[in-house]
Amino acid sequence: MLQVAKKIYSYIGDDLSRRIYLNRLNYNISGSAFYLEHILKESVRASSEWKCFCSLMQELRGEAVVLFGNGIWGDTLLREFKGYPWTCIIDNAPNQSDKAGIPIVEASSFMKNYNSEKIVISSFKSRDAMIDQCIMAGVPKENIIDAGKVIYELTEGRIYFDKEIPMILKSGLFIDGGCFDGSDSKRYFEKFHGDSINFEPDILNIKRICETLKGYEKKYRIIPKALWKGEGTISFSSNGSFGSHINKDFSDNMIPTTSIDIETADEEVAMIKMDIEGAELEALHGAENTIKRDHPVLAVSVYHKPEDILDIPEYILSVYGGYRLYLRHYSFSWYDTVLYAIPGVF
């Protein structure tokens, strides 16, 4: 293992990637939060946007501050500002009365009795509706704090197309492996103006893709199969979310599989993105010919399995040794560490 780790390290392209790599490796081996804290400190928490937001929140400590949204990003804010004197949490569909000792109030009831509190919007996807709801209730715009936008720009809005990564794309297809709702393909269209193939076996997610990519119908196609080493069938856990995944212990839902090599045998590939809940290595085996032929930019999740941080870059380099490797982290938790393989950057 040590020799493999050293070889991978020698291909890493910048100091931040080296530090993330070593801390991720140590975190995966030990499970110690010490190493995860270092990853967060040098990634999302190090950004100027986050530091500015944290300064603003500190300035407001003496005022009444309300958190709007009891979802994943609401939980992120509660963790990042542990001990913060929130007045309450408001939510449009609360399913509990409190969280971490903070009362949860139905949003419309709170708005009826609004009394000059500062309201922190925690969501990005629902932010426009939440902001409109506040304004309709008479909340001044200066009392609405858009945390959802800040978190989005550090996480979902940056992942796979990070401006810090020296990513120069040639013409060709974007392979969106683990498409979920099509948002990454949409970002690719807007940044690079190419076309995409979207691999997504979950029928509920396919509906979301069509909604997200409305107006781009001529630029993409959907393959409703799981990415794997090749053609076949495999068991799949489908839940209509980003967590749908291959599940070898679940035999009630068998779906077809395919590979990138099969689906792009006669097409040039510019970039491959993979976030397929632990099936990345198998899918990369199914892209071996494509990687050898086209040397596409790769953006691959390496957090689903502890061994991914070694096995995935080791395999990529065994297929094509002309890549330089970069790592970045895009969450305030253990997930969303991405390995970039960039061809010809030395």
Protein backbone atom coordinates (compact mmCIF):
# COMPACT_ATOMS: atom_id res chain seq x y z
CA MET A 1 0.00 0.00 0.00
CA LEU A 2 2.81 2.41 0.84
CA GLN A 3 4.40 2.05 -2.57
CA VAL A 4 1.07 2.67 -4.30
CA ALA A 5 0.44 5.74 -2.13
CA LYS A 6 3.89 7.12 -2.95
CA LYS A 7 3.41 6.59 -6.67
CA ILE A 8 0.07 8.38 -6.66
CA TYR A 9 1.56 11.22 -4.62
CA SER A 10 4.26 11.73 -7.26
CA TYR A 11 1.57 12.42 -9.90
CA ILE A 12 -0.29 15.04 -7.84
CA GLY A 13 -0.18 18.49 -9.36
CA ASP A 14 -0.36 21.03 -6.51
CA ASP A 15 0.27 21.43 -2.80
CA LEU A 16 -3.39 21.68 -1.79
CA SER A 17 -4.14 18.41 -3.60
CA ARG A 18 -1.21 16.75 -1.81
CA ARG A 19 -2.50 17.84 1.59
CA ILE A 20 -6.06 16.73 0.81
CA TYR A 21 -4.73 13.40 -0.47
CA LEU A 22 -2.71 12.68 2.67
CA ASN A 23 -5.49 13.76 5.01
CA ARG A 24 -8.11 11.78 3.09
CA LEU A 25 -5.87 8.72 3.13
CA ASN A 26 -5.30 9.04 6.88
CA TYR A 27 -8.99 9.69 7.52
CA ASN A 28 -10.00 6.61 5.53
CA ILE A 29 -7.50 4.44 7.41
CA SER A 30 -8.08 5.77 10.92
CA GLY A 31 -11.59 7.23 10.86
CA SER A 32 -10.25 10.08 12.96
CA ALA A 33 -12.11 13.39 12.66
CA PHE A 34 -8.75 15.12 13.12
CA TYR A 35 -7.88 14.49 9.47
CA LEU A 36 -11.35 15.41 8.22
CA GLU A 37 -11.13 18.71 10.07
CA HIS A 38 -7.91 19.48 8.22
CA ILE A 39 -9.60 18.75 4.87
CA LEU A 40 -12.47 21.10 5.70
CA LYS A 41 -10.13 23.77 7.05
CA GLU A 42 -8.19 23.83 3.78
CA SER A 43 -11.15 23.58 1.42
CA VAL A 44 -14.65 24.97 2.02
CA ARG A 45 -13.76 26.79 5.24
CA ALA A 46 -10.71 28.42 3.66
CA SER A 47 -12.71 30.26 0.99
CA SER A 48 -13.12 34.02 1.20
CA GLU A 49 -16.89 33.61 0.69
CA TRP A 50 -17.23 31.42 3.76
CA LYS A 51 -14.99 33.63 5.89
CA CYS A 52 -17.08 36.69 4.97
CA PHE A 53 -20.28 34.84 5.84
CA CYS A 54 -18.84 33.72 9.19
CA SER A 55 -17.83 37.31 9.99
CA LEU A 56 -21.37 38.49 9.23
CA MET A 57 -22.86 35.83 11.50
CA GLN A 58 -20.55 36.88 14.31
CA GLU A 59 -21.64 40.49 13.90
CA LEU A 60 -25.27 39.37 14.34
CA ARG A 61 -24.74 37.40 17.55
CA GLY A 62 -26.41 40.08 19.65
CA GLU A 63 -29.54 40.13 17.48
CA ALA A 64 -32.47 37.75 16.98
CA VAL A 65 -31.43 35.37 14.19
CA VAL A 66 -33.69 32.67 12.71
CA LEU A 67 -32.65 29.71 10.56
CA PHE A 68 -35.05 29.05 7.65
CA GLY A 69 -34.97 25.42 6.54
CA ASN A 70 -34.59 22.15 8.43
CA GLY A 71 -32.90 20.21 5.62
CA ILE A 72 -29.35 19.05 4.89
CA TRP A 73 -27.89 22.54 4.58
CA GLY A 74 -29.77 23.68 7.66
CA ASP A 75 -28.00 20.87 9.49
CA THR A 76 -24.71 22.07 7.99
CA LEU A 77 -25.24 25.54 9.43
CA LEU A 78 -26.17 24.12 12.83
CA ARG A 79 -22.93 22.11 12.87
CA GLU A 80 -20.72 24.90 11.59
CA PHE A 81 -22.18 27.36 14.08
CA LYS A 82 -22.47 25.04 17.03
CA GLY A 83 -23.60 26.95 20.08
CA TYR A 84 -24.89 29.88 18.01
CA PRO A 85 -27.84 31.60 19.74
CA TRP A 86 -30.49 30.88 17.08
CA THR A 87 -33.91 32.22 18.09
CA CYS A 88 -35.59 29.32 16.35
CA ILE A 89 -35.66 27.21 13.19
CA ILE A 90 -38.55 27.77 10.80
CA ASP A 91 -39.70 25.28 8.18
CA ASN A 92 -42.66 24.99 5.82
CA ALA A 93 -43.26 21.35 6.72
CA PRO A 94 -41.76 20.72 10.16
CA ASN A 95 -41.72 17.10 11.32
CA GLN A 96 -40.29 17.69 14.77
CA SER A 97 -40.66 20.25 17.54
CA ASP A 98 -36.98 21.04 18.10
CA LYS A 99 -33.44 20.24 17.01
CA ALA A 100 -30.37 20.45 19.25
CA GLY A 101 -32.55 22.26 21.77
CA ILE A 102 -33.65 24.91 19.25
CA PRO A 103 -37.44 25.16 18.74
CA ILE A 104 -38.78 24.47 15.26
CA VAL A 105 -41.72 26.64 14.17
CA GLU A 106 -43.97 26.38 11.13
CA ALA A 107 -42.82 29.14 8.76
CA SER A 108 -46.17 30.76 7.98
CA SER A 109 -47.03 30.95 11.68
CA PHE A 110 -43.69 32.61 12.36
CA MET A 111 -44.21 35.12 9.54
CA LYS A 112 -47.55 36.23 11.00
CA ASN A 113 -45.73 37.36 14.13
CA TYR A 114 -42.53 38.59 12.47
CA ASN A 115 -40.69 41.06 14.68
CA SER A 116 -37.55 42.33 12.89
CA GLU A 117 -35.59 39.07 13.20
CA LYS A 118 -32.75 38.34 10.78
CA ILE A 119 -33.66 35.28 8.67
CA VAL A 120 -30.90 33.00 7.34
CA ILE A 121 -31.96 31.10 4.20
CA SER A 122 -30.34 27.65 4.29
CA SER A 123 -31.51 26.21 0.95
CA PHE A 124 -30.37 26.93 -2.60
CA LYS A 125 -32.94 25.00 -4.63
CA SER A 126 -35.81 26.54 -2.66
CA ARG A 127 -34.15 29.87 -1.95
CA ASP A 128 -36.20 31.96 -4.39
CA ALA A 129 -39.47 30.66 -2.96
CA MET A 130 -38.22 31.12 0.59
CA ILE A 131 -37.04 34.68 -0.07
CA ASP A 132 -40.35 35.51 -1.77
CA GLN A 133 -42.20 34.08 1.22
CA CYS A 134 -40.24 36.36 3.54
CA ILE A 135 -40.78 39.45 1.42
CA MET A 136 -44.52 38.72 1.07
CA ALA A 137 -44.67 38.60 4.87
CA GLY A 138 -43.06 42.05 5.12
CA VAL A 139 -39.51 41.00 5.97
CA PRO A 140 -37.12 43.74 4.74
CA LYS A 141 -34.57 42.52 2.18
CA GLU A 142 -31.72 43.65 4.41
CA ASN A 143 -32.95 41.21 7.07
CA ILE A 144 -32.71 38.20 4.70
CA ILE A 145 -29.31 36.47 4.67
CA ASP A 146 -28.71 34.12 1.74
CA ALA A 147 -26.59 31.33 3.23
CA GLY A 148 -27.91 28.88 0.64
CA LYS A 149 -26.15 30.72 -2.17
CA VAL A 150 -22.88 30.80 -0.22
CA ILE A 151 -22.97 27.05 0.48
CA TYR A 152 -24.00 26.24 -3.10
CA GLU A 153 -21.10 28.19 -4.60
CA LEU A 154 -18.65 26.24 -2.41
CA THR A 155 -20.21 22.82 -3.02
CA GLU A 156 -22.66 21.89 -5.79
CA GLY A 157 -21.89 25.01 -7.81
CA ARG A 158 -18.14 24.30 -7.90
CA ILE A 159 -17.82 20.52 -7.93
CA TYR A 160 -16.50 18.88 -11.16
CA PHE A 161 -15.83 22.23 -12.87
CA ASP A 162 -13.58 23.89 -10.30
CA LYS A 163 -11.90 26.99 -11.71
CA GLU A 164 -8.77 26.19 -9.65
CA ILE A 165 -8.18 23.01 -11.67
CA PRO A 166 -6.24 23.55 -14.96
CA MET A 167 -9.03 22.03 -17.03
CA ILE A 168 -8.70 22.73 -20.75
CA LEU A 169 -11.25 20.66 -22.64
CA LYS A 170 -10.98 19.65 -26.26
CA SER A 171 -14.09 19.07 -28.34
CA GLY A 172 -16.08 15.97 -27.56
CA LEU A 173 -18.74 14.51 -25.34
CA PHE A 174 -19.32 15.04 -21.65
CA ILE A 175 -20.11 11.75 -19.91
CA ASP A 176 -22.34 12.38 -16.91
CA GLY A 177 -22.12 9.21 -14.83
CA GLY A 178 -24.64 9.32 -12.01
CA CYS A 179 -26.62 12.14 -13.56
CA PHE A 180 -29.33 12.50 -10.86
CA ASP A 181 -31.14 15.65 -12.05
CA GLY A 182 -29.05 16.77 -15.05
CA SER A 183 -27.65 19.86 -13.35
CA ASP A 184 -24.04 18.93 -14.10
CA SER A 185 -24.77 18.48 -17.79
CA LYS A 186 -26.49 21.86 -17.79
CA ARG A 187 -23.41 23.47 -16.24
CA TYR A 188 -21.25 21.76 -18.86
CA PHE A 189 -23.43 23.13 -21.67
CA GLU A 190 -23.13 26.63 -20.25
CA LYS A 191 -19.36 26.47 -19.69
CA PHE A 192 -18.09 24.42 -22.63
CA HIS A 193 -21.00 24.30 -25.14
CA GLY A 194 -20.54 20.59 -25.86
CA ASP A 195 -23.02 17.70 -25.86
CA SER A 196 -23.53 15.03 -23.21
CA ILE A 197 -24.49 11.43 -22.57
CA ASN A 198 -26.32 10.99 -19.29
CA PHE A 199 -26.23 7.60 -17.57
CA GLU A 200 -29.09 7.30 -15.08
CA PRO A 201 -31.02 4.07 -14.36
CA ASP A 202 -33.48 5.58 -11.86
CA ILE A 203 -36.72 6.40 -13.71
CA LEU A 204 -37.65 9.05 -11.14
CA ASN A 205 -34.33 10.80 -11.69
CA ILE A 206 -34.77 10.60 -15.47
CA LYS A 207 -37.90 12.73 -15.11
CA ARG A 208 -35.85 15.29 -13.21
CA ILE A 209 -33.18 15.30 -15.92
CA CYS A 210 -35.76 16.09 -18.61
CA GLU A 211 -37.10 18.96 -16.50
CA THR A 212 -33.65 20.40 -15.77
CA LEU A 213 -32.48 20.14 -19.39
CA LYS A 214 -35.63 21.53 -20.97
CA GLY A 215 -34.54 23.54 -24.00
CA TYR A 216 -31.36 21.50 -24.46
CA GLU A 217 -33.02 18.45 -26.03
CA LYS A 218 -30.70 18.43 -29.06
CA LYS A 219 -27.57 18.46 -26.87
CA TYR A 220 -28.02 15.37 -24.74
CA ARG A 221 -29.21 11.81 -24.65
CA ILE A 222 -30.11 9.63 -21.69
CA ILE A 223 -29.03 6.02 -21.35
CA PRO A 224 -31.27 4.40 -18.69
CA LYS A 225 -28.66 1.87 -17.62
CA ALA A 226 -26.14 1.61 -14.80
CA LEU A 227 -22.50 2.26 -15.65
CA TRP A 228 -20.43 -0.87 -15.10
CA LYS A 229 -17.64 -2.93 -16.67
CA GLY A 230 -19.86 -4.05 -19.52
CA GLU A 231 -23.31 -5.27 -20.51
CA GLY A 232 -25.35 -7.38 -18.12
CA THR A 233 -27.81 -6.94 -15.27
CA ILE A 234 -27.29 -6.00 -11.66
CA SER A 235 -29.45 -5.30 -8.61
CA PHE A 236 -30.24 -1.66 -7.98
CA SER A 237 -31.71 0.35 -5.13
CA SER A 238 -33.89 3.06 -6.65
CA ASN A 239 -35.20 5.87 -4.46
CA GLY A 240 -35.49 8.84 -6.80
CA SER A 241 -32.59 10.73 -5.23
CA PHE A 242 -28.85 11.28 -5.58
CA GLY A 243 -28.44 8.19 -3.36
CA SER A 244 -29.83 5.65 -5.85
CA HIS A 245 -27.17 2.99 -6.23
CA ILE A 246 -26.12 -0.50 -7.23
CA ASN A 247 -26.93 -2.82 -4.35
CA LYS A 248 -25.72 -6.40 -4.66
CA ASP A 249 -27.77 -7.42 -1.60
CA PHE A 250 -31.04 -6.17 -3.13
CA SER A 251 -32.39 -8.66 -5.67
CA ASP A 252 -35.90 -7.33 -6.27
CA ASN A 253 -34.93 -4.68 -8.82
CA MET A 254 -32.63 -5.88 -11.58
CA ILE A 255 -31.51 -3.31 -14.15
CA PRO A 256 -29.36 -3.46 -17.30
CA THR A 257 -25.74 -2.33 -17.23
CA THR A 258 -23.48 -0.95 -19.91
CA SER A 259 -20.07 0.69 -20.21
CA ILE A 260 -18.62 3.89 -21.55
CA ASP A 261 -16.53 1.94 -24.07
CA ILE A 262 -19.65 0.31 -25.49
CA GLU A 263 -21.71 3.50 -25.70
CA THR A 264 -18.96 5.77 -27.10
CA ALA A 265 -17.02 3.40 -29.33
CA ASP A 266 -17.35 5.72 -32.33
CA GLU A 267 -17.39 9.08 -30.50
CA GLU A 268 -14.69 11.26 -28.98
CA VAL A 269 -15.02 11.90 -25.25
CA ALA A 270 -13.77 15.17 -23.74
CA MET A 271 -14.68 14.65 -20.08
CA ILE A 272 -15.98 11.90 -17.81
CA LYS A 273 -17.64 12.73 -14.50
CA MET A 274 -18.51 9.89 -12.13
CA ASP A 275 -20.42 9.93 -8.88
CA ILE A 276 -22.09 6.52 -8.86
CA GLU A 277 -22.20 5.60 -5.19
CA GLY A 278 -19.23 3.26 -5.02
CA ALA A 279 -19.30 1.74 -8.53
CA GLU A 280 -16.69 4.17 -9.90
CA LEU A 281 -13.82 1.68 -10.18
CA GLU A 282 -15.91 -0.87 -12.07
CA ALA A 283 -17.19 1.85 -14.41
CA LEU A 284 -13.62 3.04 -15.04
CA HIS A 285 -12.71 -0.51 -16.07
CA GLY A 286 -15.53 -0.16 -18.58
CA ALA A 287 -13.97 3.06 -19.91
CA GLU A 288 -10.45 1.69 -20.40
CA ASN A 289 -10.43 1.94 -24.21
CA THR A 290 -11.96 5.43 -24.10
CA ILE A 291 -9.31 6.66 -21.67
CA LYS A 292 -6.50 5.15 -23.76
CA ARG A 293 -7.93 6.61 -26.98
CA ASP A 294 -9.12 10.09 -25.99
CA HIS A 295 -7.34 10.94 -22.69
CA PRO A 296 -10.47 12.72 -21.44
CA VAL A 297 -10.48 14.90 -18.36
CA LEU A 298 -11.72 12.78 -15.46
CA ALA A 299 -13.62 14.01 -12.40
CA VAL A 300 -14.28 10.99 -10.18
CA SER A 301 -15.66 10.72 -6.65
CA VAL A 302 -13.21 8.97 -4.33
CA TYR A 303 -15.08 8.97 -1.03
CA HIS A 304 -17.63 6.16 -1.21
CA LYS A 305 -15.23 3.38 -0.17
CA PRO A 306 -12.10 3.73 2.01
CA GLU A 307 -9.98 2.04 -0.66
CA ASP A 308 -11.11 4.42 -3.44
CA ILE A 309 -8.45 7.00 -2.60
CA LEU A 310 -5.80 4.45 -3.67
CA ASP A 311 -7.55 2.05 -6.04
CA ILE A 312 -9.10 4.64 -8.36
CA PRO A 313 -6.01 6.80 -9.08
CA GLU A 314 -3.84 3.67 -9.29
CA TYR A 315 -6.09 2.22 -11.97
CA ILE A 316 -6.35 5.50 -13.92
CA LEU A 317 -2.56 5.82 -14.06
CA SER A 318 -2.21 2.19 -15.13
CA VAL A 319 -4.41 2.91 -18.15
CA TYR A 320 -2.80 6.23 -19.09
CA GLY A 321 0.28 7.57 -17.35
CA GLY A 322 0.05 11.03 -18.90
CA TYR A 323 -2.37 12.40 -16.31
CA ARG A 324 -1.61 14.91 -13.57
CA LEU A 325 -3.85 14.40 -10.53
CA TYR A 326 -5.68 16.98 -8.41
CA LEU A 327 -8.02 16.62 -5.44
CA ARG A 328 -10.63 18.96 -4.04
CA HIS A 329 -13.33 18.63 -1.38
CA TYR A 330 -16.85 20.06 -1.75
CA SER A 331 -18.82 19.54 1.43
CA PHE A 332 -18.79 20.42 5.10
CA SER A 333 -18.74 16.72 5.93
CA TRP A 334 -16.90 13.52 4.87
CA TYR A 335 -18.43 13.23 1.39
CA ASP A 336 -17.73 14.86 -2.00
CA THR A 337 -13.99 14.46 -2.33
CA VAL A 338 -13.23 14.49 -6.07
CA LEU A 339 -10.17 13.26 -7.94
CA TYR A 340 -9.38 15.13 -11.17
CA ALA A 341 -7.14 13.53 -13.78
CA ILE A 342 -5.94 16.18 -16.24
CA PRO A 343 -4.04 15.07 -19.35
CA GLY A 344 -0.78 16.73 -20.36
CA VAL A 345 -0.43 19.18 -17.45
CA PHE A 346 3.17 18.95 -16.21
